Amino acid sequence: LLVDIALGLTPSKKWDGSYIINAGHLIVNKHGQVVCLLFDHRDVFREYLFSNTKFDRGSRTRHNYGAIRRSMAGVVFLDLNLQIRFVK
């Protein structure tokens, strides 16, 4: 999931499974150093994402999620929010 999100999966449109990448990712770490992760080394890329990200949630009041609501047509919705962030 982390690799798919990093390489093209977004919630705004249906994903066809294609990665939007040419060679790799440039990441600036907390020390200001640029790290280049080549897509040829997928296991290293996966491990980097797994070791350096965490699940988080946004503010309920700012993003207005977590409450049950009903549409005009009577359909019931529960808006959820999950964020994946890089560990500081």
PDB file of N, CA and C in Angstrom:
ATOM      1  N   LEU A   1       0.827  -1.185   0.000  1.00  0.00           N
ATOM      2  CA  LEU A   1       0.000   0.000   0.000  1.00  0.00           C
ATOM      3  C   LEU A   1       0.874   1.253   0.000  1.00  0.00           C
ATOM      4  N   LEU A   2       1.917   1.269   0.832  1.00  0.00           N
ATOM      5  CA  LEU A   2       2.788   2.448   0.899  1.00  0.00           C
ATOM      6  C   LEU A   2       3.463   2.726  -0.445  1.00  0.00           C
ATOM      7  N   VAL A   3       3.938   1.688  -1.097  1.00  0.00           N
ATOM      8  CA  VAL A   3       4.588   1.862  -2.401  1.00  0.00           C
ATOM      9  C   VAL A   3       3.580   2.368  -3.420  1.00  0.00           C
ATOM     10  N   ASP A   4       2.383   1.794  -3.425  1.00  0.00           N
ATOM     11  CA  ASP A   4       1.359   2.222  -4.379  1.00  0.00           C
ATOM     12  C   ASP A   4       0.993   3.687  -4.176  1.00  0.00           C
ATOM     13  N   ILE A   5       0.845   4.107  -2.925  1.00  0.00           N
ATOM     14  CA  ILE A   5       0.525   5.504  -2.640  1.00  0.00           C
ATOM     15  C   ILE A   5       1.675   6.417  -3.071  1.00  0.00           C
ATOM     16  N   ALA A   6       2.900   6.016  -2.772  1.00  0.00           N
ATOM     17  CA  ALA A   6       4.068   6.833  -3.120  1.00  0.00           C
ATOM     18  C   ALA A   6       4.243   6.971  -4.634  1.00  0.00           C
ATOM     19  N   LEU A   7       3.737   5.998  -5.382  1.00  0.00           N
ATOM     20  CA  LEU A   7       4.007   5.977  -6.820  1.00  0.00           C
ATOM     21  C   LEU A   7       2.780   6.189  -7.699  1.00  0.00           C
ATOM     22  N   GLY A   8       1.700   6.727  -7.144  1.00  0.00           N
ATOM     23  CA  GLY A   8       0.610   7.091  -8.042  1.00  0.00           C
ATOM     24  C   GLY A   8      -0.818   6.883  -7.565  1.00  0.00           C
ATOM     25  N   LEU A   9      -1.045   6.058  -6.561  1.00  0.00           N
ATOM     26  CA  LEU A   9      -2.401   5.811  -6.073  1.00  0.00           C
ATOM     27  C   LEU A   9      -2.915   7.021  -5.312  1.00  0.00           C
ATOM     28  N   THR A  10      -4.046   7.565  -5.726  1.00  0.00           N
ATOM     29  CA  THR A  10      -4.665   8.701  -5.046  1.00  0.00           C
ATOM     30  C   THR A  10      -6.151   8.408  -4.840  1.00  0.00           C
ATOM     31  N   PRO A  11      -6.774   9.037  -3.842  1.00  0.00           N
ATOM     32  CA  PRO A  11      -8.197   8.786  -3.609  1.00  0.00           C
ATOM     33  C   PRO A  11      -9.112   9.516  -4.591  1.00  0.00           C
ATOM     34  N   SER A  12      -8.574  10.398  -5.415  1.00  0.00           N
ATOM     35  CA  SER A  12      -9.422  11.229  -6.266  1.00  0.00           C
ATOM     36  C   SER A  12      -9.833  10.583  -7.584  1.00  0.00           C
ATOM     37  N   LYS A  13      -9.163   9.505  -7.985  1.00  0.00           N
ATOM     38  CA  LYS A  13      -9.535   8.864  -9.252  1.00  0.00           C
ATOM     39  C   LYS A  13      -9.229   7.377  -9.203  1.00  0.00           C
ATOM     40  N   LYS A  14      -9.897   6.627 -10.073  1.00  0.00           N
ATOM     41  CA  LYS A  14      -9.678   5.188 -10.158  1.00  0.00           C
ATOM     42  C   LYS A  14      -8.252   4.933 -10.638  1.00  0.00           C
ATOM     43  N   TRP A  15      -7.564   4.038  -9.946  1.00  0.00           N
ATOM     44  CA  TRP A  15      -6.164   3.763 -10.264  1.00  0.00           C
ATOM     45  C   TRP A  15      -6.061   2.553 -11.170  1.00  0.00           C
ATOM     46  N   ASP A  16      -5.269   2.650 -12.227  1.00  0.00           N
ATOM     47  CA  ASP A  16      -5.111   1.535 -13.165  1.00  0.00           C
ATOM     48  C   ASP A  16      -3.917   0.647 -12.833  1.00  0.00           C
ATOM     49  N   GLY A  17      -3.231   0.927 -11.738  1.00  0.00           N
ATOM     50  CA  GLY A  17      -2.093   0.108 -11.324  1.00  0.00           C
ATOM     51  C   GLY A  17      -0.761   0.554 -11.892  1.00  0.00           C
ATOM     52  N   SER A  18      -0.772   1.598 -12.711  1.00  0.00           N
ATOM     53  CA  SER A  18       0.467   2.096 -13.307  1.00  0.00           C
ATOM     54  C   SER A  18       1.176   3.013 -12.329  1.00  0.00           C
ATOM     55  N   TYR A  19       2.486   2.843 -12.245  1.00  0.00           N
ATOM     56  CA  TYR A  19       3.293   3.707 -11.393  1.00  0.00           C
ATOM     57  C   TYR A  19       3.739   4.941 -12.169  1.00  0.00           C
ATOM     58  N   ILE A  20       3.684   6.087 -11.515  1.00  0.00           N
ATOM     59  CA  ILE A  20       4.156   7.335 -12.110  1.00  0.00           C
ATOM     60  C   ILE A  20       5.572   7.559 -11.581  1.00  0.00           C
ATOM     61  N   ILE A  21       6.542   6.987 -12.280  1.00  0.00           N
ATOM     62  CA  ILE A  21       7.936   7.082 -11.823  1.00  0.00           C
ATOM     63  C   ILE A  21       8.867   6.842 -13.005  1.00  0.00           C
ATOM     64  N   ASN A  22       9.980   7.521 -12.999  1.00  0.00           N
ATOM     65  CA  ASN A  22      10.974   7.316 -14.042  1.00  0.00           C
ATOM     66  C   ASN A  22      12.120   6.457 -13.538  1.00  0.00           C
ATOM     67  N   ALA A  23      12.732   6.853 -12.436  1.00  0.00           N
ATOM     68  CA  ALA A  23      13.899   6.121 -11.949  1.00  0.00           C
ATOM     69  C   ALA A  23      13.872   5.895 -10.446  1.00  0.00           C
ATOM     70  N   GLY A  24      13.381   6.857  -9.686  1.00  0.00           N
ATOM     71  CA  GLY A  24      13.402   6.716  -8.240  1.00  0.00           C
ATOM     72  C   GLY A  24      12.780   7.910  -7.552  1.00  0.00           C
ATOM     73  N   HIS A  25      13.010   7.997  -6.262  1.00  0.00           N
ATOM     74  CA  HIS A  25      12.486   9.093  -5.445  1.00  0.00           C
ATOM     75  C   HIS A  25      13.633   9.799  -4.746  1.00  0.00           C
ATOM     76  N   LEU A  26      13.562  11.105  -4.699  1.00  0.00           N
ATOM     77  CA  LEU A  26      14.507  11.896  -3.918  1.00  0.00           C
ATOM     78  C   LEU A  26      13.800  12.298  -2.631  1.00  0.00           C
ATOM     79  N   ILE A  27      14.437  12.020  -1.516  1.00  0.00           N
ATOM     80  CA  ILE A  27      13.863  12.318  -0.210  1.00  0.00           C
ATOM     81  C   ILE A  27      14.890  13.104   0.576  1.00  0.00           C
ATOM     82  N   VAL A  28      14.448  14.173   1.223  1.00  0.00           N
ATOM     83  CA  VAL A  28      15.326  14.954   2.089  1.00  0.00           C
ATOM     84  C   VAL A  28      15.068  14.494   3.520  1.00  0.00           C
ATOM     85  N   ASN A  29      16.106  13.954   4.184  1.00  0.00           N
ATOM     86  CA  ASN A  29      15.918  13.453   5.542  1.00  0.00           C
ATOM     87  C   ASN A  29      15.968  14.585   6.561  1.00  0.00           C
ATOM     88  N   LYS A  30      15.792  14.239   7.842  1.00  0.00           N
ATOM     89  CA  LYS A  30      15.712  15.268   8.885  1.00  0.00           C
ATOM     90  C   LYS A  30      17.020  16.038   9.079  1.00  0.00           C
ATOM     91  N   HIS A  31      18.125  15.530   8.557  1.00  0.00           N
ATOM     92  CA  HIS A  31      19.417  16.207   8.654  1.00  0.00           C
ATOM     93  C   HIS A  31      19.696  17.066   7.420  1.00  0.00           C
ATOM     94  N   GLY A  32      18.734  17.131   6.497  1.00  0.00           N
ATOM     95  CA  GLY A  32      18.897  17.925   5.291  1.00  0.00           C
ATOM     96  C   GLY A  32      19.641  17.220   4.174  1.00  0.00           C
ATOM     97  N   GLN A  33      19.944  15.954   4.363  1.00  0.00           N
ATOM     98  CA  GLN A  33      20.637  15.188   3.337  1.00  0.00           C
ATOM     99  C   GLN A  33      19.633  14.645   2.324  1.00  0.00           C
ATOM    100  N   VAL A  34      20.025  14.638   1.055  1.00  0.00           N
ATOM    101  CA  VAL A  34      19.174  14.101  -0.002  1.00  0.00           C
ATOM    102  C   VAL A  34      19.470  12.617  -0.161  1.00  0.00           C
ATOM    103  N   VAL A  35      18.412  11.816  -0.082  1.00  0.00           N
ATOM    104  CA  VAL A  35      18.530  10.372  -0.241  1.00  0.00           C
ATOM    105  C   VAL A  35      17.835   9.996  -1.539  1.00  0.00           C
ATOM    106  N   CYS A  36      18.504   9.273  -2.402  1.00  0.00           N
ATOM    107  CA  CYS A  36      17.910   8.820  -3.657  1.00  0.00           C
ATOM    108  C   CYS A  36      17.610   7.330  -3.530  1.00  0.00           C
ATOM    109  N   LEU A  37      16.346   6.979  -3.679  1.00  0.00           N
ATOM    110  CA  LEU A  37      15.941   5.580  -3.647  1.00  0.00           C
ATOM    111  C   LEU A  37      15.559   5.174  -5.060  1.00  0.00           C
ATOM    112  N   LEU A  38      16.357   4.312  -5.667  1.00  0.00           N
ATOM    113  CA  LEU A  38      16.102   3.886  -7.035  1.00  0.00           C
ATOM    114  C   LEU A  38      14.986   2.850  -7.063  1.00  0.00           C
ATOM    115  N   PHE A  39      14.124   2.970  -8.050  1.00  0.00           N
ATOM    116  CA  PHE A  39      13.011   2.038  -8.159  1.00  0.00           C
ATOM    117  C   PHE A  39      13.487   0.637  -8.522  1.00  0.00           C
ATOM    118  N   ASP A  40      14.694   0.529  -9.051  1.00  0.00           N
ATOM    119  CA  ASP A  40      15.252  -0.789  -9.365  1.00  0.00           C
ATOM    120  C   ASP A  40      15.432  -1.628  -8.099  1.00  0.00           C
ATOM    121  N   HIS A  41      15.607  -0.971  -6.968  1.00  0.00           N
ATOM    122  CA  HIS A  41      15.784  -1.661  -5.694  1.00  0.00           C
ATOM    123  C   HIS A  41      14.487  -1.574  -4.890  1.00  0.00           C
ATOM    124  N   ARG A  42      13.462  -2.263  -5.352  1.00  0.00           N
ATOM    125  CA  ARG A  42      12.123  -2.150  -4.767  1.00  0.00           C
ATOM    126  C   ARG A  42      12.086  -2.568  -3.306  1.00  0.00           C
ATOM    127  N   ASP A  43      12.849  -3.581  -2.932  1.00  0.00           N
ATOM    128  CA  ASP A  43      12.841  -4.023  -1.535  1.00  0.00           C
ATOM    129  C   ASP A  43      13.400  -2.943  -0.608  1.00  0.00           C
ATOM    130  N   VAL A  44      14.436  -2.243  -1.045  1.00  0.00           N
ATOM    131  CA  VAL A  44      15.008  -1.154  -0.248  1.00  0.00           C
ATOM    132  C   VAL A  44      13.993  -0.022  -0.127  1.00  0.00           C
ATOM    133  N   PHE A  45      13.311   0.282  -1.234  1.00  0.00           N
ATOM    134  CA  PHE A  45      12.292   1.331  -1.246  1.00  0.00           C
ATOM    135  C   PHE A  45      11.146   0.972  -0.295  1.00  0.00           C
ATOM    136  N   ARG A  46      10.659  -0.261  -0.369  1.00  0.00           N
ATOM    137  CA  ARG A  46       9.581  -0.719   0.531  1.00  0.00           C
ATOM    138  C   ARG A  46      10.014  -0.625   1.995  1.00  0.00           C
ATOM    139  N   GLU A  47      11.199  -1.087   2.285  1.00  0.00           N
ATOM    140  CA  GLU A  47      11.688  -1.068   3.664  1.00  0.00           C
ATOM    141  C   GLU A  47      11.841   0.365   4.170  1.00  0.00           C
ATOM    142  N   TYR A  48      12.327   1.264   3.317  1.00  0.00           N
ATOM    143  CA  TYR A  48      12.459   2.668   3.716  1.00  0.00           C
ATOM    144  C   TYR A  48      11.090   3.247   4.071  1.00  0.00           C
ATOM    145  N   LEU A  49      10.107   3.033   3.222  1.00  0.00           N
ATOM    146  CA  LEU A  49       8.762   3.544   3.496  1.00  0.00           C
ATOM    147  C   LEU A  49       8.184   2.934   4.767  1.00  0.00           C
ATOM    148  N   PHE A  50       8.331   1.634   4.936  1.00  0.00           N
ATOM    149  CA  PHE A  50       7.781   0.956   6.117  1.00  0.00           C
ATOM    150  C   PHE A  50       8.446   1.443   7.398  1.00  0.00           C
ATOM    151  N   SER A  51       9.744   1.660   7.365  1.00  0.00           N
ATOM    152  CA  SER A  51      10.487   2.055   8.564  1.00  0.00           C
ATOM    153  C   SER A  51      10.374   3.544   8.885  1.00  0.00           C
ATOM    154  N   ASN A  52       9.992   4.360   7.904  1.00  0.00           N
ATOM    155  CA  ASN A  52      10.014   5.804   8.102  1.00  0.00           C
ATOM    156  C   ASN A  52       8.653   6.480   7.982  1.00  0.00           C
ATOM    157  N   THR A  53       7.578   5.716   8.056  1.00  0.00           N
ATOM    158  CA  THR A  53       6.239   6.293   8.023  1.00  0.00           C
ATOM    159  C   THR A  53       5.422   5.779   9.193  1.00  0.00           C
ATOM    160  N   LYS A  54       4.348   6.504   9.490  1.00  0.00           N
ATOM    161  CA  LYS A  54       3.438   6.082  10.560  1.00  0.00           C
ATOM    162  C   LYS A  54       2.024   6.488  10.180  1.00  0.00           C
ATOM    163  N   PHE A  55       1.054   5.779  10.738  1.00  0.00           N
ATOM    164  CA  PHE A  55      -0.341   6.150  10.559  1.00  0.00           C
ATOM    165  C   PHE A  55      -0.664   7.282  11.514  1.00  0.00           C
ATOM    166  N   ASP A  56      -1.468   8.197  11.049  1.00  0.00           N
ATOM    167  CA  ASP A  56      -1.840   9.354  11.851  1.00  0.00           C
ATOM    168  C   ASP A  56      -3.267   9.726  11.485  1.00  0.00           C
ATOM    169  N   ARG A  57      -3.846  10.623  12.245  1.00  0.00           N
ATOM    170  CA  ARG A  57      -5.175  11.122  11.916  1.00  0.00           C
ATOM    171  C   ARG A  57      -5.142  12.639  11.982  1.00  0.00           C
ATOM    172  N   GLY A  58      -5.962  13.243  11.162  1.00  0.00           N
ATOM    173  CA  GLY A  58      -6.055  14.688  11.157  1.00  0.00           C
ATOM    174  C   GLY A  58      -6.999  15.167  12.243  1.00  0.00           C
ATOM    175  N   SER A  59      -7.108  16.455  12.374  1.00  0.00           N
ATOM    176  CA  SER A  59      -7.998  17.061  13.352  1.00  0.00           C
ATOM    177  C   SER A  59      -9.455  16.796  12.967  1.00  0.00           C
ATOM    178  N   ARG A  60     -10.237  16.281  13.916  1.00  0.00           N
ATOM    179  CA  ARG A  60     -11.657  16.013  13.639  1.00  0.00           C
ATOM    180  C   ARG A  60     -12.408  17.301  13.340  1.00  0.00           C
ATOM    181  N   THR A  61     -12.093  18.363  14.051  1.00  0.00           N
ATOM    182  CA  THR A  61     -12.820  19.609  13.842  1.00  0.00           C
ATOM    183  C   THR A  61     -12.408  20.304  12.542  1.00  0.00           C
ATOM    184  N   ARG A  62     -11.133  20.256  12.211  1.00  0.00           N
ATOM    185  CA  ARG A  62     -10.660  20.911  10.986  1.00  0.00           C
ATOM    186  C   ARG A  62     -11.128  20.180   9.731  1.00  0.00           C
ATOM    187  N   HIS A  63     -11.092  18.843   9.762  1.00  0.00           N
ATOM    188  CA  HIS A  63     -11.423  18.049   8.581  1.00  0.00           C
ATOM    189  C   HIS A  63     -12.850  17.520   8.601  1.00  0.00           C
ATOM    190  N   ASN A  64     -13.580  17.754   9.697  1.00  0.00           N
ATOM    191  CA  ASN A  64     -14.992  17.413   9.799  1.00  0.00           C
ATOM    192  C   ASN A  64     -15.278  15.941   9.470  1.00  0.00           C
ATOM    193  N   TYR A  65     -14.638  15.049  10.183  1.00  0.00           N
ATOM    194  CA  TYR A  65     -14.887  13.623   9.978  1.00  0.00           C
ATOM    195  C   TYR A  65     -15.210  12.973  11.312  1.00  0.00           C
ATOM    196  N   GLY A  66     -15.681  11.735  11.241  1.00  0.00           N
ATOM    197  CA  GLY A  66     -15.936  10.960  12.454  1.00  0.00           C
ATOM    198  C   GLY A  66     -17.379  10.978  12.923  1.00  0.00           C
ATOM    199  N   ALA A  67     -18.206  11.768  12.297  1.00  0.00           N
ATOM    200  CA  ALA A  67     -19.617  11.826  12.695  1.00  0.00           C
ATOM    201  C   ALA A  67     -20.474  11.117  11.645  1.00  0.00           C
ATOM    202  N   ILE A  68     -21.545  10.544  12.092  1.00  0.00           N
ATOM    203  CA  ILE A  68     -22.488   9.916  11.174  1.00  0.00           C
ATOM    204  C   ILE A  68     -23.397  11.006  10.629  1.00  0.00           C
ATOM    205  N   ARG A  69     -23.595  11.000   9.311  1.00  0.00           N
ATOM    206  CA  ARG A  69     -24.467  11.997   8.699  1.00  0.00           C
ATOM    207  C   ARG A  69     -25.393  11.314   7.704  1.00  0.00           C
ATOM    208  N   ARG A  70     -26.483  11.976   7.404  1.00  0.00           N
ATOM    209  CA  ARG A  70     -27.477  11.437   6.479  1.00  0.00           C
ATOM    210  C   ARG A  70     -27.648  12.419   5.312  1.00  0.00           C
ATOM    211  N   SER A  71     -27.648  11.886   4.086  1.00  0.00           N
ATOM    212  CA  SER A  71     -27.827  12.729   2.905  1.00  0.00           C
ATOM    213  C   SER A  71     -29.302  13.066   2.733  1.00  0.00           C
ATOM    214  N   MET A  72     -29.586  13.957   1.788  1.00  0.00           N
ATOM    215  CA  MET A  72     -30.976  14.336   1.496  1.00  0.00           C
ATOM    216  C   MET A  72     -31.790  13.135   1.037  1.00  0.00           C
ATOM    217  N   ALA A  73     -31.125  12.162   0.405  1.00  0.00           N
ATOM    218  CA  ALA A  73     -31.815  10.966  -0.083  1.00  0.00           C
ATOM    219  C   ALA A  73     -31.987   9.919   1.012  1.00  0.00           C
ATOM    220  N   GLY A  74     -31.480  10.200   2.216  1.00  0.00           N
ATOM    221  CA  GLY A  74     -31.629   9.269   3.323  1.00  0.00           C
ATOM    222  C   GLY A  74     -30.493   8.272   3.482  1.00  0.00           C
ATOM    223  N   VAL A  75     -29.452   8.396   2.656  1.00  0.00           N
ATOM    224  CA  VAL A  75     -28.312   7.490   2.750  1.00  0.00           C
ATOM    225  C   VAL A  75     -27.442   7.934   3.928  1.00  0.00           C
ATOM    226  N   VAL A  76     -26.990   6.963   4.731  1.00  0.00           N
ATOM    227  CA  VAL A  76     -26.178   7.252   5.915  1.00  0.00           C
ATOM    228  C   VAL A  76     -24.701   7.118   5.560  1.00  0.00           C
ATOM    229  N   PHE A  77     -23.898   8.096   5.983  1.00  0.00           N
ATOM    230  CA  PHE A  77     -22.464   8.111   5.718  1.00  0.00           C
ATOM    231  C   PHE A  77     -21.688   8.228   7.024  1.00  0.00           C
ATOM    232  N   LEU A  78     -20.486   7.652   7.021  1.00  0.00           N
ATOM    233  CA  LEU A  78     -19.525   7.845   8.096  1.00  0.00           C
ATOM    234  C   LEU A  78     -18.213   8.225   7.430  1.00  0.00           C
ATOM    235  N   ASP A  79     -17.817   9.477   7.569  1.00  0.00           N
ATOM    236  CA  ASP A  79     -16.567   9.955   6.980  1.00  0.00           C
ATOM    237  C   ASP A  79     -15.404   9.569   7.882  1.00  0.00           C
ATOM    238  N   LEU A  80     -14.403   8.928   7.287  1.00  0.00           N
ATOM    239  CA  LEU A  80     -13.209   8.523   8.028  1.00  0.00           C
ATOM    240  C   LEU A  80     -11.998   9.260   7.482  1.00  0.00           C
ATOM    241  N   ASN A  81     -10.959   9.345   8.283  1.00  0.00           N
ATOM    242  CA  ASN A  81      -9.741  10.032   7.890  1.00  0.00           C
ATOM    243  C   ASN A  81      -8.547   9.244   8.394  1.00  0.00           C
ATOM    244  N   LEU A  82      -7.637   8.935   7.504  1.00  0.00           N
ATOM    245  CA  LEU A  82      -6.392   8.267   7.857  1.00  0.00           C
ATOM    246  C   LEU A  82      -5.290   8.907   7.049  1.00  0.00           C
ATOM    247  N   GLN A  83      -4.220   9.277   7.698  1.00  0.00           N
ATOM    248  CA  GLN A  83      -3.080   9.889   7.042  1.00  0.00           C
ATOM    249  C   GLN A  83      -1.844   9.030   7.277  1.00  0.00           C
ATOM    250  N   ILE A  84      -0.971   9.021   6.303  1.00  0.00           N
ATOM    251  CA  ILE A  84       0.316   8.355   6.443  1.00  0.00           C
ATOM    252  C   ILE A  84       1.370   9.446   6.382  1.00  0.00           C
ATOM    253  N   ARG A  85       2.166   9.546   7.420  1.00  0.00           N
ATOM    254  CA  ARG A  85       3.168  10.620   7.520  1.00  0.00           C
ATOM    255  C   ARG A  85       4.562  10.019   7.675  1.00  0.00           C
ATOM    256  N   PHE A  86       5.533  10.781   7.216  1.00  0.00           N
ATOM    257  CA  PHE A  86       6.912  10.393   7.477  1.00  0.00           C
ATOM    258  C   PHE A  86       7.231  10.668   8.933  1.00  0.00           C
ATOM    259  N   VAL A  87       7.967   9.777   9.564  1.00  0.00           N
ATOM    260  CA  VAL A  87       8.390   9.918  10.946  1.00  0.00           C
ATOM    261  C   VAL A  87       9.425  11.029  11.010  1.00  0.00           C
ATOM    262  N   LYS A  88       9.337  11.877  12.003  1.00  0.00           N
ATOM    263  CA  LYS A  88      10.267  12.997  12.120  1.00  0.00           C
ATOM    264  C   LYS A  88      11.601  12.534  12.648  1.00  0.00           C
TER     265      LYS A  88
END
